């Protein structure tokens, strides 16, 4: 069963180095405990432009069992995946993408917001890399369901 309240953030564009990171997209999905809907915010940076452009908020009704199943599946996947160590050291999944997930009883985050210059002590298996890609696809599916 999906958590009664949660937040999810997906950021595309986390690797940098000397220059600051310039994300190409940030998607935020959240549901408050008693809210009737899941709220989705999207900000994307068109190619050749310097900053993200916000789009109008979208929502999914909380009663949407398909969305609930996706959130539940996402949480299950993330519970099985490692994060970089030390935090922010390397884009260990190689997708230039970070996910932040939080609920009442679980928090998970991979990130390299200051640029990826160091090697992580933790490295995922190829199967874990595929699971991370599946997690990214689930988040994109939730964003696409928003109306």
Protein backbone atom coordinates (compact mmCIF):
# COMPACT_ATOMS: atom_id res chain seq x y z
CA UNK A 1 0.00 0.00 0.00
CA UNK A 2 1.33 3.44 -0.95
CA UNK A 3 2.22 5.80 1.90
CA UNK A 4 -0.53 8.20 2.99
CA UNK A 5 1.81 11.15 2.52
CA UNK A 6 4.98 11.43 0.48
CA UNK A 7 7.17 13.66 -1.64
CA UNK A 8 9.19 12.76 -4.71
CA UNK A 9 11.65 14.93 -6.61
CA UNK A 10 13.40 13.93 -9.82
CA UNK A 11 16.14 16.19 -11.16
CA UNK A 12 17.68 15.63 -14.58
CA UNK A 13 21.11 17.24 -14.73
CA UNK A 14 23.15 16.60 -11.58
CA UNK A 15 26.69 16.26 -12.85
CA UNK A 16 28.93 19.23 -13.09
CA UNK A 17 32.44 19.72 -11.92
CA UNK A 18 34.03 23.13 -12.02
CA UNK A 19 30.90 24.85 -13.37
CA UNK A 20 27.67 24.74 -11.35
CA UNK A 21 25.09 22.14 -12.25
CA UNK A 22 22.46 23.28 -14.76
CA UNK A 23 19.42 21.01 -14.44
CA UNK A 24 17.35 20.40 -17.55
CA UNK A 25 14.25 19.30 -15.59
CA UNK A 26 12.93 19.11 -12.04
CA UNK A 27 9.71 17.24 -11.26
CA UNK A 28 8.13 17.36 -7.80
CA UNK A 29 5.27 15.08 -6.78
CA UNK A 30 3.71 15.33 -3.34
CA UNK A 31 0.72 14.22 -1.35
CA UNK A 32 -0.26 15.50 2.08
CA UNK A 33 -1.82 13.08 4.56
CA UNK A 34 -5.47 14.04 4.06
CA UNK A 35 -5.24 15.67 0.62
CA UNK A 36 -7.71 14.49 -2.04
CA UNK A 37 -5.04 14.60 -4.75
CA UNK A 38 -1.39 14.18 -5.60
CA UNK A 39 0.14 17.50 -6.73
CA UNK A 40 2.70 17.58 -9.55
CA UNK A 41 5.02 20.49 -10.34
CA UNK A 42 7.25 20.43 -13.41
CA UNK A 43 10.04 22.79 -14.41
CA UNK A 44 11.97 22.21 -17.63
CA UNK A 45 14.78 24.08 -19.34
CA UNK A 46 14.46 24.25 -23.12
CA UNK A 47 17.74 23.62 -24.96
CA UNK A 48 19.86 26.74 -25.24
CA UNK A 49 18.15 28.58 -22.40
CA UNK A 50 19.74 29.43 -19.05
CA UNK A 51 16.93 28.63 -16.63
CA UNK A 52 14.05 26.31 -15.84
CA UNK A 53 10.52 27.30 -16.84
CA UNK A 54 7.70 26.28 -14.50
CA UNK A 55 4.56 24.78 -15.94
CA UNK A 56 1.10 24.95 -14.37
CA UNK A 57 0.60 22.50 -11.49
CA UNK A 58 -1.15 19.24 -12.31
CA UNK A 59 -2.81 16.69 -10.08
CA UNK A 60 -3.87 13.07 -9.85
CA UNK A 61 -6.84 12.09 -7.72
CA UNK A 62 -5.74 10.12 -4.65
CA UNK A 63 -8.36 7.50 -5.52
CA UNK A 64 -6.39 6.65 -8.70
CA UNK A 65 -5.30 3.12 -7.79
CA UNK A 66 -2.88 3.02 -10.72
CA UNK A 67 -0.98 6.00 -9.34
CA UNK A 68 -1.03 4.47 -5.85
CA UNK A 69 0.44 1.24 -7.23
CA UNK A 70 3.19 3.19 -9.01
CA UNK A 71 4.15 5.05 -5.81
CA UNK A 72 4.17 1.76 -3.90
CA UNK A 73 6.35 0.13 -6.59
CA UNK A 74 8.70 3.13 -6.57
CA UNK A 75 9.14 2.96 -2.80
CA UNK A 76 9.84 -0.78 -3.01
CA UNK A 77 12.50 -0.29 -5.68
CA UNK A 78 14.23 2.53 -3.83
CA UNK A 79 14.33 0.52 -0.59
CA UNK A 80 16.51 -2.02 -2.40
CA UNK A 81 18.95 0.46 -3.98
CA UNK A 82 22.21 1.82 -2.58
CA UNK A 83 23.14 5.50 -2.59
CA UNK A 84 26.57 6.97 -3.17
CA UNK A 85 29.01 7.09 -0.28
CA UNK A 86 29.97 9.69 0.70
CA UNK A 87 26.75 11.49 -0.29
CA UNK A 88 27.12 13.64 -3.40
CA UNK A 89 30.37 12.02 -4.46
CA UNK A 90 29.43 10.40 -7.78
CA UNK A 91 26.52 9.78 -10.15
CA UNK A 92 26.68 6.03 -9.47
CA UNK A 93 23.72 5.20 -11.72
CA UNK A 94 25.16 7.06 -14.72
CA UNK A 95 21.88 8.74 -15.76
CA UNK A 96 22.74 12.31 -14.71
CA UNK A 97 19.57 12.08 -12.61
CA UNK A 98 18.76 12.27 -8.91
CA UNK A 99 15.71 11.07 -7.03
CA UNK A 100 14.60 12.19 -3.60
CA UNK A 101 11.78 10.21 -1.96
CA UNK A 102 10.33 10.72 1.49
CA UNK A 103 7.40 9.30 3.40
CA UNK A 104 6.48 8.81 7.05
CA UNK A 105 8.83 5.87 7.46
CA UNK A 106 11.33 5.99 4.60
CA UNK A 107 13.69 8.55 3.05
CA UNK A 108 15.99 7.89 0.08
CA UNK A 109 18.17 10.22 -1.97
CA UNK A 110 20.95 10.01 -4.49
CA UNK A 111 22.59 13.23 -5.47
CA UNK A 112 25.64 14.91 -6.82
CA UNK A 113 24.37 18.49 -6.82
CA UNK A 114 27.79 20.05 -6.41
CA UNK A 115 29.19 18.14 -9.35
CA UNK A 116 30.61 14.64 -9.51
CA UNK A 117 34.32 14.76 -8.91
CA UNK A 118 35.00 11.90 -6.49
CA UNK A 119 34.51 8.16 -6.63
CA UNK A 120 31.84 6.62 -4.46
CA UNK A 121 32.78 3.77 -2.15
CA UNK A 122 29.42 2.21 -3.07
CA UNK A 123 28.79 1.03 -6.63
CA UNK A 124 25.52 -0.51 -7.87
CA UNK A 125 25.28 -3.73 -9.82
CA UNK A 126 24.00 -3.68 -13.40
CA UNK A 127 20.66 -5.00 -12.09
CA UNK A 128 20.47 -2.12 -9.59
CA UNK A 129 21.22 0.35 -12.39
CA UNK A 130 18.27 -1.10 -14.33
CA UNK A 131 16.06 -0.81 -11.23
CA UNK A 132 17.05 2.84 -10.86
CA UNK A 133 16.13 3.44 -14.51
CA UNK A 134 12.76 1.79 -13.79
CA UNK A 135 12.31 4.16 -10.80
CA UNK A 136 12.98 7.14 -13.10
CA UNK A 137 10.43 5.79 -15.60
CA UNK A 138 7.81 5.39 -12.83
CA UNK A 139 8.25 9.03 -11.82
CA UNK A 140 7.93 10.15 -15.44
CA UNK A 141 4.75 8.06 -15.73
CA UNK A 142 3.30 9.76 -12.64
CA UNK A 143 4.13 13.18 -14.12
CA UNK A 144 2.48 12.19 -17.41
CA UNK A 145 -0.70 11.10 -15.57
CA UNK A 146 -1.18 14.55 -14.09
CA UNK A 147 -4.05 16.65 -15.39
